Amino acid sequence: MEVYDSSLAIREASVSDAPILVEMLQEAAQAMVEQGIEQWKPEMFNEKTVSEYFVSRRVFILEKEHQAAGLFTLQNSDPSYWEELNDEDYLYLHRLTVRSAYRGLHYGEFMISFAEQEAIRLHKRGLRLDCVKHLPTLNEYYRRCGFQWIAERDLKRSVGGRYVNLYEKVF
């Protein structure tokens, strides 16, 4: 579903935005904890770890009337998840987050559409992402957004014992 709202804007973040990025990520993590979802924990996110994002990826903030409503990151490579399938001809989407007050308004799709346009602008073949396997609703969300399942990864040894599904959308 397309979102047509002239009060929405996406801008590339800078390290100076780390405090609001941390706030949004911790809010999302806390909501997951409260819902019994095993994925993110609030302690995973602090200014130091979020500031490190800017070394290997671009960070974007979705704003609604100049208020931070969501975020996502894009990177040119993701060998830790994609291993031998890693391909720099794709753009890799991570940390897609919509603040609680803005959920249900299709802002996730708006950010995904922006990421797709960025991949096209950069002459990439498509957009890729990973999603923890044990969240069927989230996996279905990405399939509804047009992503195709590519593979499952057992990240037990490399990133803390979880299974992820890998998805891509080719243009």
N, C-alpha and C. Protein backbone atom coordinates (compact mmCIF):
# COMPACT_ATOMS: atom_id res chain seq x y z
N MET A 1 0.85 -1.19 0.00
CA MET A 1 0.00 0.00 0.00
C MET A 1 0.89 1.24 0.00
N GLU A 2 0.61 2.13 -0.91
CA GLU A 2 1.35 3.39 -0.98
C GLU A 2 0.81 4.36 0.07
N VAL A 3 1.70 5.16 0.60
CA VAL A 3 1.31 6.18 1.57
C VAL A 3 1.55 7.53 0.92
N TYR A 4 0.50 8.29 0.73
CA TYR A 4 0.63 9.62 0.15
C TYR A 4 0.32 10.62 1.27
N ASP A 5 1.35 11.20 1.80
CA ASP A 5 1.20 12.11 2.94
C ASP A 5 2.30 13.15 2.84
N SER A 6 1.91 14.37 2.51
CA SER A 6 2.92 15.42 2.31
C SER A 6 3.62 15.82 3.60
N SER A 7 3.13 15.35 4.75
CA SER A 7 3.80 15.68 6.02
C SER A 7 4.86 14.65 6.39
N LEU A 8 5.09 13.65 5.52
CA LEU A 8 6.13 12.65 5.74
C LEU A 8 7.39 13.02 4.96
N ALA A 9 8.52 12.79 5.59
CA ALA A 9 9.80 13.02 4.92
C ALA A 9 10.81 12.01 5.45
N ILE A 10 11.70 11.60 4.59
CA ILE A 10 12.80 10.73 5.00
C ILE A 10 14.08 11.49 4.75
N ARG A 11 14.93 11.51 5.77
CA ARG A 11 16.22 12.18 5.62
C ARG A 11 17.32 11.26 6.12
N GLU A 12 18.49 11.44 5.55
CA GLU A 12 19.64 10.67 6.01
C GLU A 12 20.10 11.24 7.34
N ALA A 13 20.29 10.36 8.30
CA ALA A 13 20.70 10.77 9.65
C ALA A 13 22.20 10.98 9.70
N SER A 14 22.63 11.63 10.77
CA SER A 14 24.05 11.79 11.05
C SER A 14 24.31 11.31 12.48
N VAL A 15 25.56 11.22 12.83
CA VAL A 15 25.93 10.75 14.18
C VAL A 15 25.26 11.61 15.24
N SER A 16 25.05 12.89 14.96
CA SER A 16 24.40 13.77 15.94
C SER A 16 22.95 13.35 16.23
N ASP A 17 22.36 12.51 15.37
CA ASP A 17 21.02 12.00 15.59
C ASP A 17 21.00 10.75 16.48
N ALA A 18 22.16 10.30 16.93
CA ALA A 18 22.23 9.07 17.71
C ALA A 18 21.26 9.05 18.89
N PRO A 19 21.11 10.13 19.66
CA PRO A 19 20.16 10.05 20.80
C PRO A 19 18.73 9.69 20.40
N ILE A 20 18.21 10.28 19.33
CA ILE A 20 16.84 9.96 18.93
C ILE A 20 16.77 8.56 18.32
N LEU A 21 17.81 8.14 17.63
CA LEU A 21 17.86 6.78 17.09
C LEU A 21 17.84 5.77 18.22
N VAL A 22 18.65 6.01 19.25
CA VAL A 22 18.67 5.12 20.41
C VAL A 22 17.29 5.07 21.05
N GLU A 23 16.67 6.22 21.21
CA GLU A 23 15.34 6.28 21.82
C GLU A 23 14.34 5.43 21.05
N MET A 24 14.33 5.56 19.73
CA MET A 24 13.39 4.79 18.91
C MET A 24 13.67 3.30 18.97
N LEU A 25 14.94 2.92 18.90
CA LEU A 25 15.29 1.50 18.94
C LEU A 25 14.99 0.89 20.31
N GLN A 26 15.26 1.63 21.37
CA GLN A 26 14.94 1.13 22.71
C GLN A 26 13.44 1.00 22.90
N GLU A 27 12.66 1.96 22.39
CA GLU A 27 11.20 1.86 22.47
C GLU A 27 10.71 0.60 21.76
N ALA A 28 11.22 0.37 20.57
CA ALA A 28 10.81 -0.81 19.81
C ALA A 28 11.21 -2.09 20.55
N ALA A 29 12.41 -2.10 21.09
CA ALA A 29 12.89 -3.27 21.83
C ALA A 29 12.04 -3.52 23.07
N GLN A 30 11.70 -2.46 23.79
CA GLN A 30 10.88 -2.60 24.98
C GLN A 30 9.50 -3.14 24.64
N ALA A 31 8.94 -2.67 23.55
CA ALA A 31 7.63 -3.19 23.11
C ALA A 31 7.73 -4.68 22.80
N MET A 32 8.83 -5.11 22.19
CA MET A 32 9.03 -6.53 21.90
C MET A 32 9.11 -7.33 23.20
N VAL A 33 9.87 -6.84 24.15
CA VAL A 33 10.00 -7.52 25.44
C VAL A 33 8.62 -7.66 26.09
N GLU A 34 7.86 -6.58 26.09
CA GLU A 34 6.53 -6.58 26.72
C GLU A 34 5.57 -7.54 26.03
N GLN A 35 5.76 -7.76 24.74
CA GLN A 35 4.90 -8.68 23.99
C GLN A 35 5.45 -10.11 23.99
N GLY A 36 6.56 -10.32 24.67
CA GLY A 36 7.16 -11.66 24.72
C GLY A 36 7.85 -12.05 23.43
N ILE A 37 8.21 -11.08 22.61
CA ILE A 37 8.89 -11.34 21.34
C ILE A 37 10.39 -11.39 21.58
N GLU A 38 10.99 -12.51 21.21
CA GLU A 38 12.44 -12.67 21.35
C GLU A 38 13.13 -12.14 20.11
N GLN A 39 13.56 -10.91 20.18
CA GLN A 39 14.31 -10.34 19.08
C GLN A 39 15.27 -9.29 19.61
N TRP A 40 14.82 -8.07 19.82
CA TRP A 40 15.67 -7.01 20.32
C TRP A 40 15.46 -6.83 21.82
N LYS A 41 16.49 -6.37 22.50
CA LYS A 41 16.43 -6.01 23.92
C LYS A 41 16.89 -4.56 24.04
N PRO A 42 16.27 -3.77 24.93
CA PRO A 42 16.65 -2.36 25.04
C PRO A 42 18.14 -2.14 25.28
N GLU A 43 18.77 -3.03 26.03
CA GLU A 43 20.19 -2.85 26.34
C GLU A 43 21.11 -3.05 25.11
N MET A 44 20.55 -3.52 24.02
CA MET A 44 21.34 -3.66 22.79
C MET A 44 21.68 -2.31 22.18
N PHE A 45 20.94 -1.28 22.57
CA PHE A 45 21.05 0.01 21.90
C PHE A 45 21.48 1.10 22.87
N ASN A 46 22.61 1.71 22.56
CA ASN A 46 23.08 2.88 23.30
C ASN A 46 23.79 3.77 22.27
N GLU A 47 24.18 4.96 22.70
CA GLU A 47 24.76 5.91 21.74
C GLU A 47 26.04 5.37 21.09
N LYS A 48 26.82 4.61 21.84
CA LYS A 48 28.06 4.07 21.28
C LYS A 48 27.76 3.06 20.16
N THR A 49 26.87 2.10 20.44
CA THR A 49 26.58 1.08 19.42
C THR A 49 25.88 1.69 18.21
N VAL A 50 24.94 2.61 18.45
CA VAL A 50 24.23 3.23 17.33
C VAL A 50 25.17 4.13 16.52
N SER A 51 26.06 4.83 17.19
CA SER A 51 27.03 5.67 16.46
C SER A 51 27.92 4.82 15.56
N GLU A 52 28.17 3.59 15.96
CA GLU A 52 28.99 2.68 15.13
C GLU A 52 28.28 2.28 13.84
N TYR A 53 26.95 2.40 13.80
CA TYR A 53 26.23 2.09 12.56
C TYR A 53 26.77 2.91 11.40
N PHE A 54 27.16 4.14 11.66
CA PHE A 54 27.55 5.06 10.60
C PHE A 54 28.87 4.67 9.92
N VAL A 55 29.57 3.70 10.49
CA VAL A 55 30.82 3.23 9.89
C VAL A 55 30.52 2.36 8.67
N SER A 56 29.49 1.52 8.76
CA SER A 56 29.26 0.53 7.71
C SER A 56 27.92 0.65 7.01
N ARG A 57 27.11 1.63 7.40
CA ARG A 57 25.79 1.74 6.78
C ARG A 57 25.31 3.17 6.79
N ARG A 58 24.29 3.40 6.01
CA ARG A 58 23.61 4.70 6.02
C ARG A 58 22.35 4.55 6.87
N VAL A 59 22.05 5.56 7.63
CA VAL A 59 20.90 5.52 8.54
C VAL A 59 19.92 6.60 8.09
N PHE A 60 18.64 6.23 8.08
CA PHE A 60 17.60 7.15 7.63
C PHE A 60 16.53 7.29 8.71
N ILE A 61 15.98 8.49 8.83
CA ILE A 61 14.91 8.78 9.78
C ILE A 61 13.67 9.20 8.99
N LEU A 62 12.55 8.56 9.33
CA LEU A 62 11.25 8.97 8.79
C LEU A 62 10.69 10.00 9.76
N GLU A 63 10.28 11.14 9.22
CA GLU A 63 9.69 12.18 10.06
C GLU A 63 8.26 12.47 9.60
N LYS A 64 7.40 12.62 10.58
CA LYS A 64 6.01 13.04 10.36
C LYS A 64 5.89 14.40 11.02
N GLU A 65 5.67 15.42 10.20
CA GLU A 65 5.59 16.78 10.71
C GLU A 65 6.80 17.12 11.59
N HIS A 66 7.97 16.75 11.11
CA HIS A 66 9.26 17.04 11.75
C HIS A 66 9.49 16.28 13.05
N GLN A 67 8.69 15.25 13.33
CA GLN A 67 8.88 14.40 14.50
C GLN A 67 9.35 13.02 14.03
N ALA A 68 10.35 12.47 14.69
CA ALA A 68 10.87 11.16 14.31
C ALA A 68 9.80 10.10 14.50
N ALA A 69 9.46 9.41 13.41
CA ALA A 69 8.40 8.40 13.43
C ALA A 69 8.94 7.00 13.13
N GLY A 70 10.13 6.92 12.56
CA GLY A 70 10.69 5.61 12.22
C GLY A 70 12.11 5.75 11.73
N LEU A 71 12.72 4.60 11.51
CA LEU A 71 14.09 4.59 11.00
C LEU A 71 14.38 3.30 10.28
N PHE A 72 15.43 3.30 9.51
CA PHE A 72 15.96 2.10 8.88
C PHE A 72 17.39 2.38 8.47
N THR A 73 18.12 1.30 8.21
CA THR A 73 19.49 1.45 7.73
C THR A 73 19.64 0.70 6.41
N LEU A 74 20.61 1.15 5.61
CA LEU A 74 20.94 0.51 4.35
C LEU A 74 22.44 0.28 4.29
N GLN A 75 22.83 -0.88 3.80
CA GLN A 75 24.25 -1.15 3.63
C GLN A 75 24.49 -1.87 2.32
N ASN A 76 25.70 -1.75 1.82
CA ASN A 76 26.06 -2.30 0.51
C ASN A 76 26.43 -3.77 0.54
N SER A 77 26.61 -4.31 1.72
CA SER A 77 27.06 -5.68 1.85
C SER A 77 26.59 -6.21 3.20
N ASP A 78 26.37 -7.52 3.29
CA ASP A 78 25.95 -8.12 4.55
C ASP A 78 26.42 -9.57 4.64
N PRO A 79 27.75 -9.76 4.64
CA PRO A 79 28.27 -11.13 4.65
C PRO A 79 27.97 -11.91 5.93
N SER A 80 27.74 -11.23 7.06
CA SER A 80 27.48 -11.97 8.29
C SER A 80 26.16 -12.74 8.24
N TYR A 81 25.18 -12.24 7.50
CA TYR A 81 23.91 -12.95 7.34
C TYR A 81 23.85 -13.73 6.03
N TRP A 82 24.33 -13.12 4.95
CA TRP A 82 24.16 -13.70 3.63
C TRP A 82 25.29 -14.64 3.23
N GLU A 83 26.39 -14.62 3.97
CA GLU A 83 27.53 -15.51 3.76
C GLU A 83 27.89 -15.59 2.27
N GLU A 84 27.92 -16.80 1.69
CA GLU A 84 28.35 -16.95 0.30
C GLU A 84 27.37 -16.33 -0.69
N LEU A 85 26.17 -16.00 -0.25
CA LEU A 85 25.19 -15.36 -1.13
C LEU A 85 25.32 -13.83 -1.12
N ASN A 86 26.17 -13.30 -0.27
CA ASN A 86 26.36 -11.86 -0.21
C ASN A 86 26.73 -11.34 -1.60
N ASP A 87 26.11 -10.25 -1.99
CA ASP A 87 26.32 -9.71 -3.33
C ASP A 87 26.17 -8.19 -3.27
N GLU A 88 27.24 -7.49 -3.57
CA GLU A 88 27.21 -6.03 -3.50
C GLU A 88 26.39 -5.38 -4.61
N ASP A 89 25.78 -6.20 -5.46
CA ASP A 89 24.84 -5.67 -6.44
C ASP A 89 23.47 -5.41 -5.82
N TYR A 90 23.31 -5.74 -4.54
CA TYR A 90 22.07 -5.50 -3.80
C TYR A 90 22.33 -4.48 -2.69
N LEU A 91 21.25 -3.86 -2.23
CA LEU A 91 21.28 -3.02 -1.04
C LEU A 91 20.61 -3.81 0.07
N TYR A 92 21.12 -3.72 1.29
CA TYR A 92 20.64 -4.52 2.41
C TYR A 92 19.95 -3.63 3.44
N LEU A 93 18.70 -3.95 3.74
CA LEU A 93 17.87 -3.19 4.66
C LEU A 93 17.92 -3.81 6.04
N HIS A 94 18.11 -2.96 7.06
CA HIS A 94 18.13 -3.42 8.45
C HIS A 94 17.43 -2.41 9.35
N ARG A 95 17.09 -2.86 10.54
CA ARG A 95 16.59 -2.03 11.65
C ARG A 95 15.34 -1.23 11.31
N LEU A 96 14.52 -1.74 10.41
CA LEU A 96 13.27 -1.05 10.07
C LEU A 96 12.41 -0.95 11.33
N THR A 97 12.12 0.27 11.73
CA THR A 97 11.43 0.52 12.99
C THR A 97 10.41 1.64 12.80
N VAL A 98 9.20 1.42 13.30
CA VAL A 98 8.17 2.46 13.33
C VAL A 98 7.77 2.65 14.79
N ARG A 99 7.77 3.88 15.23
CA ARG A 99 7.37 4.17 16.62
C ARG A 99 5.91 3.76 16.85
N SER A 100 5.62 3.35 18.07
CA SER A 100 4.29 2.84 18.43
C SER A 100 3.17 3.78 18.01
N ALA A 101 3.34 5.07 18.22
CA ALA A 101 2.29 6.04 17.90
C ALA A 101 1.95 6.08 16.41
N TYR A 102 2.83 5.55 15.57
CA TYR A 102 2.64 5.64 14.13
C TYR A 102 2.38 4.28 13.49
N ARG A 103 2.24 3.24 14.28
CA ARG A 103 2.02 1.91 13.71
C ARG A 103 0.61 1.82 13.11
N GLY A 104 0.50 0.99 12.10
CA GLY A 104 -0.78 0.81 11.44
C GLY A 104 -1.08 1.84 10.36
N LEU A 105 -0.14 2.75 10.12
CA LEU A 105 -0.33 3.80 9.12
C LEU A 105 0.46 3.53 7.83
N HIS A 106 1.03 2.34 7.72
CA HIS A 106 1.78 1.90 6.53
C HIS A 106 3.10 2.65 6.35
N TYR A 107 3.65 3.16 7.44
CA TYR A 107 4.92 3.87 7.35
C TYR A 107 6.07 2.92 7.04
N GLY A 108 5.95 1.66 7.47
CA GLY A 108 6.97 0.68 7.11
C GLY A 108 7.07 0.52 5.61
N GLU A 109 5.92 0.42 4.95
CA GLU A 109 5.90 0.30 3.50
C GLU A 109 6.47 1.55 2.85
N PHE A 110 6.19 2.70 3.44
CA PHE A 110 6.72 3.96 2.92
C PHE A 110 8.26 3.95 2.96
N MET A 111 8.81 3.47 4.07
CA MET A 111 10.27 3.41 4.20
C MET A 111 10.86 2.36 3.27
N ILE A 112 10.18 1.23 3.12
CA ILE A 112 10.66 0.19 2.19
C ILE A 112 10.65 0.74 0.76
N SER A 113 9.60 1.45 0.40
CA SER A 113 9.54 2.04 -0.94
C SER A 113 10.69 3.02 -1.16
N PHE A 114 11.00 3.81 -0.15
CA PHE A 114 12.13 4.73 -0.24
C PHE A 114 13.43 3.95 -0.44
N ALA A 115 13.60 2.87 0.34
CA ALA A 115 14.82 2.04 0.23
C ALA A 115 14.92 1.43 -1.17
N GLU A 116 13.79 1.00 -1.72
CA GLU A 116 13.79 0.46 -3.08
C GLU A 116 14.23 1.52 -4.08
N GLN A 117 13.71 2.72 -3.94
CA GLN A 117 14.08 3.80 -4.85
C GLN A 117 15.56 4.15 -4.72
N GLU A 118 16.07 4.07 -3.50
CA GLU A 118 17.50 4.32 -3.28
C GLU A 118 18.33 3.24 -3.96
N ALA A 119 17.90 1.99 -3.86
CA ALA A 119 18.61 0.90 -4.53
C ALA A 119 18.60 1.11 -6.05
N ILE A 120 17.48 1.51 -6.59
CA ILE A 120 17.38 1.78 -8.03
C ILE A 120 18.31 2.94 -8.40
N ARG A 121 18.28 4.00 -7.59
CA ARG A 121 19.14 5.16 -7.86
C ARG A 121 20.62 4.76 -7.88
N LEU A 122 20.98 3.80 -7.05
CA LEU A 122 22.37 3.34 -6.96
C LEU A 122 22.68 2.22 -7.95
N HIS A 123 21.73 1.92 -8.83
CA HIS A 123 21.89 0.89 -9.87
C HIS A 123 22.11 -0.49 -9.27
N LYS A 124 21.41 -0.79 -8.19
CA LYS A 124 21.46 -2.12 -7.57
C LYS A 124 20.44 -3.02 -8.24
N ARG A 125 20.66 -4.33 -8.14
CA ARG A 125 19.73 -5.31 -8.72
C ARG A 125 18.46 -5.45 -7.90
N GLY A 126 18.56 -5.12 -6.59
CA GLY A 126 17.40 -5.28 -5.74
C GLY A 126 17.71 -4.91 -4.31
N LEU A 127 16.75 -5.22 -3.45
CA LEU A 127 16.84 -4.92 -2.03
C LEU A 127 16.74 -6.24 -1.28
N ARG A 128 17.57 -6.40 -0.26
CA ARG A 128 17.57 -7.63 0.54
C ARG A 128 17.39 -7.30 2.02
N LEU A 129 16.89 -8.29 2.76
CA LEU A 129 16.77 -8.15 4.20
C LEU A 129 16.75 -9.53 4.84
N ASP A 130 16.91 -9.55 6.15
CA ASP A 130 16.75 -10.79 6.91
C ASP A 130 15.66 -10.57 7.94
N CYS A 131 15.05 -11.67 8.36
CA CYS A 131 13.98 -11.61 9.35
C CYS A 131 14.06 -12.86 10.21
N VAL A 132 13.99 -12.69 11.53
CA VAL A 132 14.06 -13.86 12.39
C VAL A 132 12.92 -14.82 12.04
N LYS A 133 13.25 -16.08 12.01
CA LYS A 133 12.30 -17.10 11.56
C LYS A 133 11.11 -17.24 12.50
N HIS A 134 11.33 -17.06 13.79
CA HIS A 134 10.27 -17.35 14.76
C HIS A 134 9.19 -16.27 14.86
N LEU A 135 9.19 -15.31 13.96
CA LEU A 135 8.13 -14.29 13.93
C LEU A 135 7.36 -14.40 12.61
N PRO A 136 6.42 -15.34 12.54
CA PRO A 136 5.71 -15.56 11.26
C PRO A 136 4.96 -14.33 10.76
N THR A 137 4.43 -13.51 11.66
CA THR A 137 3.70 -12.31 11.23
C THR A 137 4.63 -11.34 10.52
N LEU A 138 5.84 -11.16 11.05
CA LEU A 138 6.80 -10.26 10.43
C LEU A 138 7.28 -10.83 9.09
N ASN A 139 7.51 -12.14 9.03
CA ASN A 139 7.90 -12.76 7.77
C ASN A 139 6.81 -12.57 6.72
N GLU A 140 5.56 -12.74 7.12
CA GLU A 140 4.44 -12.55 6.18
C GLU A 140 4.35 -11.09 5.72
N TYR A 141 4.64 -10.16 6.62
CA TYR A 141 4.65 -8.73 6.27
C TYR A 141 5.61 -8.48 5.11
N TYR A 142 6.83 -9.00 5.23
CA TYR A 142 7.81 -8.78 4.16
C TYR A 142 7.38 -9.46 2.86
N ARG A 143 6.76 -10.63 2.95
CA ARG A 143 6.26 -11.27 1.73
C ARG A 143 5.16 -10.41 1.09
N ARG A 144 4.27 -9.84 1.91
CA ARG A 144 3.23 -8.95 1.37
C ARG A 144 3.84 -7.72 0.72
N CYS A 145 5.01 -7.31 1.18
CA CYS A 145 5.70 -6.16 0.59
C CYS A 145 6.46 -6.53 -0.68
N GLY A 146 6.31 -7.77 -1.12
CA GLY A 146 6.89 -8.19 -2.39
C GLY A 146 8.24 -8.88 -2.31
N PHE A 147 8.71 -9.19 -1.10
CA PHE A 147 9.99 -9.88 -0.96
C PHE A 147 9.80 -11.38 -1.13
N GLN A 148 10.79 -11.99 -1.77
CA GLN A 148 10.77 -13.43 -2.00
C GLN A 148 11.76 -14.11 -1.05
N TRP A 149 11.34 -15.23 -0.48
CA TRP A 149 12.21 -16.00 0.41
C TRP A 149 13.35 -16.60 -0.41
N ILE A 150 14.58 -16.48 0.11
CA ILE A 150 15.74 -17.00 -0.59
C ILE A 150 16.36 -18.18 0.16
N ALA A 151 16.52 -18.04 1.47
CA ALA A 151 17.18 -19.09 2.24
C ALA A 151 16.93 -18.88 3.73
N GLU A 152 17.24 -19.92 4.48
CA GLU A 152 17.23 -19.84 5.94
C GLU A 152 18.67 -19.99 6.41
N ARG A 153 19.01 -19.24 7.44
CA ARG A 153 20.36 -19.31 8.01
C ARG A 153 20.27 -19.66 9.48
N ASP A 154 21.17 -20.54 9.91
CA ASP A 154 21.35 -20.83 11.33
C ASP A 154 22.52 -19.97 11.79
N LEU A 155 22.21 -18.91 12.53
CA LEU A 155 23.24 -17.98 12.98
C LEU A 155 23.68 -18.30 14.41
N LYS A 156 23.44 -19.51 14.82
CA LYS A 156 23.73 -19.93 16.19
C LYS A 156 25.13 -19.55 16.63
N ARG A 157 26.09 -19.82 15.81
CA ARG A 157 27.48 -19.54 16.21
C ARG A 157 27.89 -18.10 15.97
N SER A 158 27.37 -17.48 14.92
CA SER A 158 27.90 -16.18 14.55
C SER A 158 27.22 -14.99 15.23
N VAL A 159 25.93 -15.04 15.49
CA VAL A 159 25.27 -13.88 16.10
C VAL A 159 24.29 -14.24 17.21
N GLY A 160 24.58 -15.19 18.03
CA GLY A 160 23.79 -15.37 19.23
C GLY A 160 22.68 -16.40 19.20
N GLY A 161 22.70 -17.35 18.31
CA GLY A 161 21.77 -18.47 18.38
C GLY A 161 20.38 -18.20 17.86
N ARG A 162 20.27 -17.76 16.64
CA ARG A 162 18.93 -17.58 16.09
C ARG A 162 18.90 -17.95 14.62
N TYR A 163 17.71 -18.29 14.17
CA TYR A 163 17.49 -18.64 12.79
C TYR A 163 16.85 -17.46 12.08
N VAL A 164 17.33 -17.16 10.89
CA VAL A 164 16.76 -16.06 10.12
C VAL A 164 16.39 -16.54 8.72
N ASN A 165 15.39 -15.89 8.17
CA ASN A 165 15.03 -16.08 6.77
C ASN A 165 15.60 -14.91 6.00
N LEU A 166 16.12 -15.20 4.83
CA LEU A 166 16.67 -14.18 3.95
C LEU A 166 15.68 -13.92 2.83
N TYR A 167 15.44 -12.64 2.56
CA TYR A 167 14.48 -12.23 1.54
C TYR A 167 15.13 -11.23 0.60
N GLU A 168 14.61 -11.23 -0.65
CA GLU A 168 15.06 -10.21 -1.58
C GLU A 168 13.91 -9.80 -2.49
N LYS A 169 14.05 -8.60 -3.02
CA LYS A 169 13.15 -8.10 -4.04
C LYS A 169 14.03 -7.61 -5.18
N VAL A 170 13.88 -8.26 -6.33
CA VAL A 170 14.67 -7.92 -7.51
C VAL A 170 13.87 -6.94 -8.35
N PHE A 171 14.56 -5.94 -8.91
CA PHE A 171 13.86 -4.94 -9.73
C PHE A 171 13.94 -5.26 -11.20
